[in-house]
Amino acid sequence: MSLGLGIVLFAIGAILAFAVNVTVDWIDVTTVGYILMGAGALVIILGIVLIARRRNTVSTSRTSVDPATGERVRRDETSTPDGPAAY
């Protein structure tokens, strides 16, 4: 979602900065376009960083024998380096 939002902000900012030739007394449309382009670029970078952090996972699989029944027990654990509460 953050990548999509960043691309939309950047695209709207580029349209306002380069394609719209409107003069408004109380606001500079070109400056608003540049601000939206900067915000979009920032959101894209943050989105990429968050996606990269989310993909660092550690998976552990253990197989043991239950001494009481003699059955094999398989335990799968998945964790992230920062812990599950980081997201």
PDB file of N, CA and C in Angstrom:
ATOM      1  N   MET A   1       0.823  -1.188   0.000  1.00  0.00           N
ATOM      2  CA  MET A   1       0.000   0.000   0.000  1.00  0.00           C
ATOM      3  C   MET A   1       0.871   1.257   0.000  1.00  0.00           C
ATOM      4  N   SER A   2       1.964   1.234   0.707  1.00  0.00           N
ATOM      5  CA  SER A   2       2.795   2.434   0.776  1.00  0.00           C
ATOM      6  C   SER A   2       3.472   2.726  -0.560  1.00  0.00           C
ATOM      7  N   LEU A   3       3.840   1.684  -1.289  1.00  0.00           N
ATOM      8  CA  LEU A   3       4.437   1.919  -2.603  1.00  0.00           C
ATOM      9  C   LEU A   3       3.427   2.552  -3.553  1.00  0.00           C
ATOM     10  N   GLY A   4       2.211   2.059  -3.530  1.00  0.00           N
ATOM     11  CA  GLY A   4       1.166   2.616  -4.385  1.00  0.00           C
ATOM     12  C   GLY A   4       0.857   4.060  -4.034  1.00  0.00           C
ATOM     13  N   LEU A   5       0.782   4.358  -2.757  1.00  0.00           N
ATOM     14  CA  LEU A   5       0.530   5.734  -2.318  1.00  0.00           C
ATOM     15  C   LEU A   5       1.667   6.653  -2.749  1.00  0.00           C
ATOM     16  N   GLY A   6       2.899   6.194  -2.621  1.00  0.00           N
ATOM     17  CA  GLY A   6       4.045   6.997  -3.039  1.00  0.00           C
ATOM     18  C   GLY A   6       4.031   7.283  -4.530  1.00  0.00           C
ATOM     19  N   ILE A   7       3.689   6.284  -5.321  1.00  0.00           N
ATOM     20  CA  ILE A   7       3.628   6.474  -6.773  1.00  0.00           C
ATOM     21  C   ILE A   7       2.517   7.444  -7.143  1.00  0.00           C
ATOM     22  N   VAL A   8       1.365   7.328  -6.482  1.00  0.00           N
ATOM     23  CA  VAL A   8       0.248   8.244  -6.760  1.00  0.00           C
ATOM     24  C   VAL A   8       0.623   9.677  -6.381  1.00  0.00           C
ATOM     25  N   LEU A   9       1.219   9.860  -5.216  1.00  0.00           N
ATOM     26  CA  LEU A   9       1.631  11.208  -4.813  1.00  0.00           C
ATOM     27  C   LEU A   9       2.653  11.789  -5.776  1.00  0.00           C
ATOM     28  N   PHE A  10       3.615  10.979  -6.188  1.00  0.00           N
ATOM     29  CA  PHE A  10       4.631  11.451  -7.114  1.00  0.00           C
ATOM     30  C   PHE A  10       4.015  11.819  -8.461  1.00  0.00           C
ATOM     31  N   ALA A  11       3.084  10.999  -8.953  1.00  0.00           N
ATOM     32  CA  ALA A  11       2.454  11.267 -10.247  1.00  0.00           C
ATOM     33  C   ALA A  11       1.602  12.539 -10.202  1.00  0.00           C
ATOM     34  N   ILE A  12       0.819  12.712  -9.139  1.00  0.00           N
ATOM     35  CA  ILE A  12       0.006  13.923  -9.013  1.00  0.00           C
ATOM     36  C   ILE A  12       0.900  15.153  -8.895  1.00  0.00           C
ATOM     37  N   GLY A  13       1.984  15.029  -8.150  1.00  0.00           N
ATOM     38  CA  GLY A  13       2.929  16.137  -8.029  1.00  0.00           C
ATOM     39  C   GLY A  13       3.577  16.489  -9.353  1.00  0.00           C
ATOM     40  N   ALA A  14       3.932  15.480 -10.144  1.00  0.00           N
ATOM     41  CA  ALA A  14       4.541  15.739 -11.451  1.00  0.00           C
ATOM     42  C   ALA A  14       3.544  16.408 -12.393  1.00  0.00           C
ATOM     43  N   ILE A  15       2.299  15.991 -12.322  1.00  0.00           N
ATOM     44  CA  ILE A  15       1.271  16.629 -13.157  1.00  0.00           C
ATOM     45  C   ILE A  15       1.103  18.084 -12.758  1.00  0.00           C
ATOM     46  N   LEU A  16       1.027  18.333 -11.460  1.00  0.00           N
ATOM     47  CA  LEU A  16       0.863  19.719 -11.006  1.00  0.00           C
ATOM     48  C   LEU A  16       2.096  20.568 -11.324  1.00  0.00           C
ATOM     49  N   ALA A  17       3.289  19.992 -11.220  1.00  0.00           N
ATOM     50  CA  ALA A  17       4.513  20.770 -11.423  1.00  0.00           C
ATOM     51  C   ALA A  17       4.801  21.039 -12.896  1.00  0.00           C
ATOM     52  N   PHE A  18       4.520  20.068 -13.757  1.00  0.00           N
ATOM     53  CA  PHE A  18       4.964  20.190 -15.139  1.00  0.00           C
ATOM     54  C   PHE A  18       3.843  20.360 -16.170  1.00  0.00           C
ATOM     55  N   ALA A  19       2.632  19.906 -15.875  1.00  0.00           N
ATOM     56  CA  ALA A  19       1.600  19.894 -16.904  1.00  0.00           C
ATOM     57  C   ALA A  19       0.497  20.921 -16.702  1.00  0.00           C
ATOM     58  N   VAL A  20       0.327  21.430 -15.506  1.00  0.00           N
ATOM     59  CA  VAL A  20      -0.769  22.361 -15.225  1.00  0.00           C
ATOM     60  C   VAL A  20      -0.227  23.787 -15.283  1.00  0.00           C
ATOM     61  N   ASN A  21      -0.827  24.591 -16.131  1.00  0.00           N
ATOM     62  CA  ASN A  21      -0.443  25.999 -16.252  1.00  0.00           C
ATOM     63  C   ASN A  21      -1.597  26.875 -15.768  1.00  0.00           C
ATOM     64  N   VAL A  22      -1.831  26.850 -14.479  1.00  0.00           N
ATOM     65  CA  VAL A  22      -2.918  27.622 -13.874  1.00  0.00           C
ATOM     66  C   VAL A  22      -2.300  28.608 -12.896  1.00  0.00           C
ATOM     67  N   THR A  23      -2.765  29.828 -12.934  1.00  0.00           N
ATOM     68  CA  THR A  23      -2.292  30.832 -11.991  1.00  0.00           C
ATOM     69  C   THR A  23      -3.381  31.087 -10.956  1.00  0.00           C
ATOM     70  N   VAL A  24      -3.037  30.848  -9.713  1.00  0.00           N
ATOM     71  CA  VAL A  24      -3.956  31.066  -8.598  1.00  0.00           C
ATOM     72  C   VAL A  24      -3.266  32.048  -7.667  1.00  0.00           C
ATOM     73  N   ASP A  25      -4.007  33.050  -7.197  1.00  0.00           N
ATOM     74  CA  ASP A  25      -3.416  34.101  -6.371  1.00  0.00           C
ATOM     75  C   ASP A  25      -2.950  33.597  -5.003  1.00  0.00           C
ATOM     76  N   TRP A  26      -3.650  32.675  -4.401  1.00  0.00           N
ATOM     77  CA  TRP A  26      -3.381  32.296  -3.026  1.00  0.00           C
ATOM     78  C   TRP A  26      -2.486  31.075  -2.884  1.00  0.00           C
ATOM     79  N   ILE A  27      -2.100  30.398  -4.006  1.00  0.00           N
ATOM     80  CA  ILE A  27      -1.235  29.223  -3.909  1.00  0.00           C
ATOM     81  C   ILE A  27      -0.419  29.087  -5.199  1.00  0.00           C
ATOM     82  N   ASP A  28       0.793  28.597  -5.059  1.00  0.00           N
ATOM     83  CA  ASP A  28       1.635  28.323  -6.218  1.00  0.00           C
ATOM     84  C   ASP A  28       1.522  26.841  -6.543  1.00  0.00           C
ATOM     85  N   VAL A  29       0.868  26.499  -7.641  1.00  0.00           N
ATOM     86  CA  VAL A  29       0.586  25.113  -8.003  1.00  0.00           C
ATOM     87  C   VAL A  29       1.877  24.345  -8.290  1.00  0.00           C
ATOM     88  N   THR A  30       2.865  25.000  -8.869  1.00  0.00           N
ATOM     89  CA  THR A  30       4.132  24.338  -9.169  1.00  0.00           C
ATOM     90  C   THR A  30       4.850  23.910  -7.883  1.00  0.00           C
ATOM     91  N   THR A  31       4.841  24.775  -6.881  1.00  0.00           N
ATOM     92  CA  THR A  31       5.474  24.436  -5.604  1.00  0.00           C
ATOM     93  C   THR A  31       4.746  23.282  -4.922  1.00  0.00           C
ATOM     94  N   VAL A  32       3.426  23.284  -4.982  1.00  0.00           N
ATOM     95  CA  VAL A  32       2.650  22.172  -4.412  1.00  0.00           C
ATOM     96  C   VAL A  32       3.006  20.875  -5.136  1.00  0.00           C
ATOM     97  N   GLY A  33       3.197  20.946  -6.439  1.00  0.00           N
ATOM     98  CA  GLY A  33       3.601  19.764  -7.202  1.00  0.00           C
ATOM     99  C   GLY A  33       4.946  19.231  -6.760  1.00  0.00           C
ATOM    100  N   TYR A  34       5.910  20.133  -6.568  1.00  0.00           N
ATOM    101  CA  TYR A  34       7.231  19.694  -6.096  1.00  0.00           C
ATOM    102  C   TYR A  34       7.153  19.095  -4.688  1.00  0.00           C
ATOM    103  N   ILE A  35       6.334  19.668  -3.837  1.00  0.00           N
ATOM    104  CA  ILE A  35       6.171  19.130  -2.472  1.00  0.00           C
ATOM    105  C   ILE A  35       5.560  17.733  -2.528  1.00  0.00           C
ATOM    106  N   LEU A  36       4.542  17.544  -3.376  1.00  0.00           N
ATOM    107  CA  LEU A  36       3.933  16.220  -3.498  1.00  0.00           C
ATOM    108  C   LEU A  36       4.904  15.206  -4.100  1.00  0.00           C
ATOM    109  N   MET A  37       5.730  15.640  -5.033  1.00  0.00           N
ATOM    110  CA  MET A  37       6.733  14.729  -5.589  1.00  0.00           C
ATOM    111  C   MET A  37       7.747  14.307  -4.521  1.00  0.00           C
ATOM    112  N   GLY A  38       8.168  15.245  -3.695  1.00  0.00           N
ATOM    113  CA  GLY A  38       9.087  14.902  -2.603  1.00  0.00           C
ATOM    114  C   GLY A  38       8.458  13.967  -1.595  1.00  0.00           C
ATOM    115  N   ALA A  39       7.200  14.231  -1.253  1.00  0.00           N
ATOM    116  CA  ALA A  39       6.496  13.355  -0.306  1.00  0.00           C
ATOM    117  C   ALA A  39       6.318  11.960  -0.899  1.00  0.00           C
ATOM    118  N   GLY A  40       6.004  11.896  -2.183  1.00  0.00           N
ATOM    119  CA  GLY A  40       5.861  10.596  -2.838  1.00  0.00           C
ATOM    120  C   GLY A  40       7.153   9.816  -2.846  1.00  0.00           C
ATOM    121  N   ALA A  41       8.268  10.488  -3.134  1.00  0.00           N
ATOM    122  CA  ALA A  41       9.565   9.815  -3.122  1.00  0.00           C
ATOM    123  C   ALA A  41       9.901   9.305  -1.724  1.00  0.00           C
ATOM    124  N   LEU A  42       9.596  10.097  -0.704  1.00  0.00           N
ATOM    125  CA  LEU A  42       9.854   9.681   0.678  1.00  0.00           C
ATOM    126  C   LEU A  42       9.013   8.461   1.052  1.00  0.00           C
ATOM    127  N   VAL A  43       7.753   8.457   0.662  1.00  0.00           N
ATOM    128  CA  VAL A  43       6.876   7.316   0.969  1.00  0.00           C
ATOM    129  C   VAL A  43       7.358   6.065   0.242  1.00  0.00           C
ATOM    130  N   ILE A  44       7.814   6.203  -0.998  1.00  0.00           N
ATOM    131  CA  ILE A  44       8.332   5.053  -1.744  1.00  0.00           C
ATOM    132  C   ILE A  44       9.565   4.481  -1.043  1.00  0.00           C
ATOM    133  N   ILE A  45      10.485   5.336  -0.629  1.00  0.00           N
ATOM    134  CA  ILE A  45      11.700   4.865   0.059  1.00  0.00           C
ATOM    135  C   ILE A  45      11.352   4.174   1.366  1.00  0.00           C
ATOM    136  N   LEU A  46      10.448   4.769   2.154  1.00  0.00           N
ATOM    137  CA  LEU A  46      10.038   4.128   3.411  1.00  0.00           C
ATOM    138  C   LEU A  46       9.342   2.793   3.158  1.00  0.00           C
ATOM    139  N   GLY A  47       8.536   2.722   2.120  1.00  0.00           N
ATOM    140  CA  GLY A  47       7.871   1.468   1.783  1.00  0.00           C
ATOM    141  C   GLY A  47       8.854   0.371   1.419  1.00  0.00           C
ATOM    142  N   ILE A  48       9.880   0.722   0.650  1.00  0.00           N
ATOM    143  CA  ILE A  48      10.901  -0.266   0.282  1.00  0.00           C
ATOM    144  C   ILE A  48      11.664  -0.733   1.511  1.00  0.00           C
ATOM    145  N   VAL A  49      11.983   0.182   2.419  1.00  0.00           N
ATOM    146  CA  VAL A  49      12.694  -0.193   3.644  1.00  0.00           C
ATOM    147  C   VAL A  49      11.838  -1.126   4.500  1.00  0.00           C
ATOM    148  N   LEU A  50      10.558  -0.827   4.631  1.00  0.00           N
ATOM    149  CA  LEU A  50       9.682  -1.682   5.432  1.00  0.00           C
ATOM    150  C   LEU A  50       9.491  -3.053   4.803  1.00  0.00           C
ATOM    151  N   ILE A  51       9.402  -3.123   3.487  1.00  0.00           N
ATOM    152  CA  ILE A  51       9.280  -4.416   2.824  1.00  0.00           C
ATOM    153  C   ILE A  51      10.557  -5.230   3.012  1.00  0.00           C
ATOM    154  N   ALA A  52      11.698  -4.586   2.926  1.00  0.00           N
ATOM    155  CA  ALA A  52      12.972  -5.297   3.112  1.00  0.00           C
ATOM    156  C   ALA A  52      13.096  -5.823   4.539  1.00  0.00           C
ATOM    157  N   ARG A  53      12.643  -5.070   5.520  1.00  0.00           N
ATOM    158  CA  ARG A  53      12.704  -5.540   6.919  1.00  0.00           C
ATOM    159  C   ARG A  53      11.762  -6.703   7.146  1.00  0.00           C
ATOM    160  N   ARG A  54      10.620  -6.674   6.510  1.00  0.00           N
ATOM    161  CA  ARG A  54       9.618  -7.710   6.730  1.00  0.00           C
ATOM    162  C   ARG A  54      10.063  -9.055   6.178  1.00  0.00           C
ATOM    163  N   ARG A  55      10.913  -9.065   5.169  1.00  0.00           N
ATOM    164  CA  ARG A  55      11.321 -10.308   4.539  1.00  0.00           C
ATOM    165  C   ARG A  55      12.419 -11.040   5.291  1.00  0.00           C
ATOM    166  N   ASN A  56      12.998 -10.467   6.316  1.00  0.00           N
ATOM    167  CA  ASN A  56      14.028 -11.132   7.103  1.00  0.00           C
ATOM    168  C   ASN A  56      13.358 -12.016   8.137  1.00  0.00           C
ATOM    169  N   THR A  57      13.189 -13.287   7.821  1.00  0.00           N
ATOM    170  CA  THR A  57      12.571 -14.220   8.751  1.00  0.00           C
ATOM    171  C   THR A  57      13.498 -15.407   8.969  1.00  0.00           C
ATOM    172  N   VAL A  58      13.327 -16.037  10.111  1.00  0.00           N
ATOM    173  CA  VAL A  58      14.096 -17.225  10.455  1.00  0.00           C
ATOM    174  C   VAL A  58      13.097 -18.341  10.715  1.00  0.00           C
ATOM    175  N   SER A  59      13.293 -19.478  10.068  1.00  0.00           N
ATOM    176  CA  SER A  59      12.387 -20.601  10.238  1.00  0.00           C
ATOM    177  C   SER A  59      13.155 -21.776  10.824  1.00  0.00           C
ATOM    178  N   THR A  60      12.581 -22.390  11.856  1.00  0.00           N
ATOM    179  CA  THR A  60      13.221 -23.511  12.528  1.00  0.00           C
ATOM    180  C   THR A  60      12.240 -24.670  12.579  1.00  0.00           C
ATOM    181  N   SER A  61      12.702 -25.847  12.239  1.00  0.00           N
ATOM    182  CA  SER A  61      11.874 -27.044  12.284  1.00  0.00           C
ATOM    183  C   SER A  61      12.574 -28.080  13.153  1.00  0.00           C
ATOM    184  N   ARG A  62      11.846 -28.616  14.130  1.00  0.00           N
ATOM    185  CA  ARG A  62      12.420 -29.614  15.038  1.00  0.00           C
ATOM    186  C   ARG A  62      11.536 -30.854  15.032  1.00  0.00           C
ATOM    187  N   THR A  63      12.169 -31.996  15.019  1.00  0.00           N
ATOM    188  CA  THR A  63      11.457 -33.260  15.117  1.00  0.00           C
ATOM    189  C   THR A  63      12.003 -34.005  16.333  1.00  0.00           C
ATOM    190  N   SER A  64      11.098 -34.424  17.198  1.00  0.00           N
ATOM    191  CA  SER A  64      11.520 -35.169  18.384  1.00  0.00           C
ATOM    192  C   SER A  64      10.550 -36.324  18.610  1.00  0.00           C
ATOM    193  N   VAL A  65      10.933 -37.223  19.490  1.00  0.00           N
ATOM    194  CA  VAL A  65      10.110 -38.377  19.816  1.00  0.00           C
ATOM    195  C   VAL A  65       9.552 -38.192  21.222  1.00  0.00           C
ATOM    196  N   ASP A  66       8.235 -38.326  21.333  1.00  0.00           N
ATOM    197  CA  ASP A  66       7.582 -38.223  22.637  1.00  0.00           C
ATOM    198  C   ASP A  66       7.916 -39.482  23.441  1.00  0.00           C
ATOM    199  N   PRO A  67       8.548 -39.317  24.621  1.00  0.00           N
ATOM    200  CA  PRO A  67       8.971 -40.505  25.378  1.00  0.00           C
ATOM    201  C   PRO A  67       7.802 -41.324  25.926  1.00  0.00           C
ATOM    202  N   ALA A  68       6.656 -40.706  26.158  1.00  0.00           N
ATOM    203  CA  ALA A  68       5.539 -41.438  26.749  1.00  0.00           C
ATOM    204  C   ALA A  68       4.845 -42.331  25.721  1.00  0.00           C
ATOM    205  N   THR A  69       4.648 -41.813  24.509  1.00  0.00           N
ATOM    206  CA  THR A  69       3.899 -42.576  23.511  1.00  0.00           C
ATOM    207  C   THR A  69       4.779 -43.111  22.389  1.00  0.00           C
ATOM    208  N   GLY A  70       5.964 -42.591  22.234  1.00  0.00           N
ATOM    209  CA  GLY A  70       6.843 -43.027  21.158  1.00  0.00           C
ATOM    210  C   GLY A  70       6.519 -42.393  19.816  1.00  0.00           C
ATOM    211  N   GLU A  71       5.646 -41.415  19.797  1.00  0.00           N
ATOM    212  CA  GLU A  71       5.263 -40.758  18.545  1.00  0.00           C
ATOM    213  C   GLU A  71       6.267 -39.665  18.197  1.00  0.00           C
ATOM    214  N   ARG A  72       6.392 -39.425  16.895  1.00  0.00           N
ATOM    215  CA  ARG A  72       7.244 -38.329  16.434  1.00  0.00           C
ATOM    216  C   ARG A  72       6.433 -37.030  16.503  1.00  0.00           C
ATOM    217  N   VAL A  73       7.068 -36.008  17.049  1.00  0.00           N
ATOM    218  CA  VAL A  73       6.437 -34.700  17.180  1.00  0.00           C
ATOM    219  C   VAL A  73       7.255 -33.709  16.369  1.00  0.00           C
ATOM    220  N   ARG A  74       6.581 -32.988  15.487  1.00  0.00           N
ATOM    221  CA  ARG A  74       7.270 -31.981  14.673  1.00  0.00           C
ATOM    222  C   ARG A  74       6.805 -30.602  15.116  1.00  0.00           C
ATOM    223  N   ARG A  75       7.760 -29.736  15.375  1.00  0.00           N
ATOM    224  CA  ARG A  75       7.463 -28.380  15.827  1.00  0.00           C
ATOM    225  C   ARG A  75       8.094 -27.392  14.847  1.00  0.00           C
ATOM    226  N   ASP A  76       7.281 -26.518  14.246  1.00  0.00           N
ATOM    227  CA  ASP A  76       7.757 -25.493  13.333  1.00  0.00           C
ATOM    228  C   ASP A  76       7.629 -24.134  14.000  1.00  0.00           C
ATOM    229  N   GLU A  77       8.692 -23.353  13.943  1.00  0.00           N
ATOM    230  CA  GLU A  77       8.695 -22.004  14.510  1.00  0.00           C
ATOM    231  C   GLU A  77       9.190 -21.031  13.456  1.00  0.00           C
ATOM    232  N   THR A  78       8.511 -19.922  13.340  1.00  0.00           N
ATOM    233  CA  THR A  78       8.931 -18.862  12.435  1.00  0.00           C
ATOM    234  C   THR A  78       9.022 -17.581  13.234  1.00  0.00           C
ATOM    235  N   SER A  79      10.132 -16.887  13.098  1.00  0.00           N
ATOM    236  CA  SER A  79      10.303 -15.636  13.837  1.00  0.00           C
ATOM    237  C   SER A  79      11.086 -14.661  12.975  1.00  0.00           C
ATOM    238  N   THR A  80      11.021 -13.414  13.366  1.00  0.00           N
ATOM    239  CA  THR A  80      11.778 -12.366  12.692  1.00  0.00           C
ATOM    240  C   THR A  80      12.896 -11.912  13.625  1.00  0.00           C
ATOM    241  N   PRO A  81      13.961 -11.340  13.076  1.00  0.00           N
ATOM    242  CA  PRO A  81      15.065 -10.894  13.940  1.00  0.00           C
ATOM    243  C   PRO A  81      14.638  -9.826  14.942  1.00  0.00           C
ATOM    244  N   ASP A  82      13.673  -8.980  14.591  1.00  0.00           N
ATOM    245  CA  ASP A  82      13.234  -7.919  15.493  1.00  0.00           C
ATOM    246  C   ASP A  82      12.121  -8.363  16.425  1.00  0.00           C
ATOM    247  N   GLY A  83      11.577  -9.553  16.227  1.00  0.00           N
ATOM    248  CA  GLY A  83      10.482 -10.028  17.051  1.00  0.00           C
ATOM    249  C   GLY A  83       9.163  -9.756  16.375  1.00  0.00           C
ATOM    250  N   PRO A  84       8.126 -10.526  16.703  1.00  0.00           N
ATOM    251  CA  PRO A  84       6.836 -10.360  16.038  1.00  0.00           C
ATOM    252  C   PRO A  84       6.111  -9.067  16.394  1.00  0.00           C
ATOM    253  N   ALA A  85       6.464  -8.410  17.500  1.00  0.00           N
ATOM    254  CA  ALA A  85       5.759  -7.198  17.917  1.00  0.00           C
ATOM    255  C   ALA A  85       6.239  -5.966  17.164  1.00  0.00           C
ATOM    256  N   ALA A  86       7.273  -6.101  16.325  1.00  0.00           N
ATOM    257  CA  ALA A  86       7.817  -4.947  15.616  1.00  0.00           C
ATOM    258  C   ALA A  86       6.925  -4.473  14.485  1.00  0.00           C
ATOM    259  N   TYR A  87       5.964  -5.292  14.075  1.00  0.00           N
ATOM    260  CA  TYR A  87       5.098  -4.910  12.954  1.00  0.00           C
ATOM    261  C   TYR A  87       3.748  -4.589  13.485  1.00  0.00           C
TER     262      TYR A  87
END
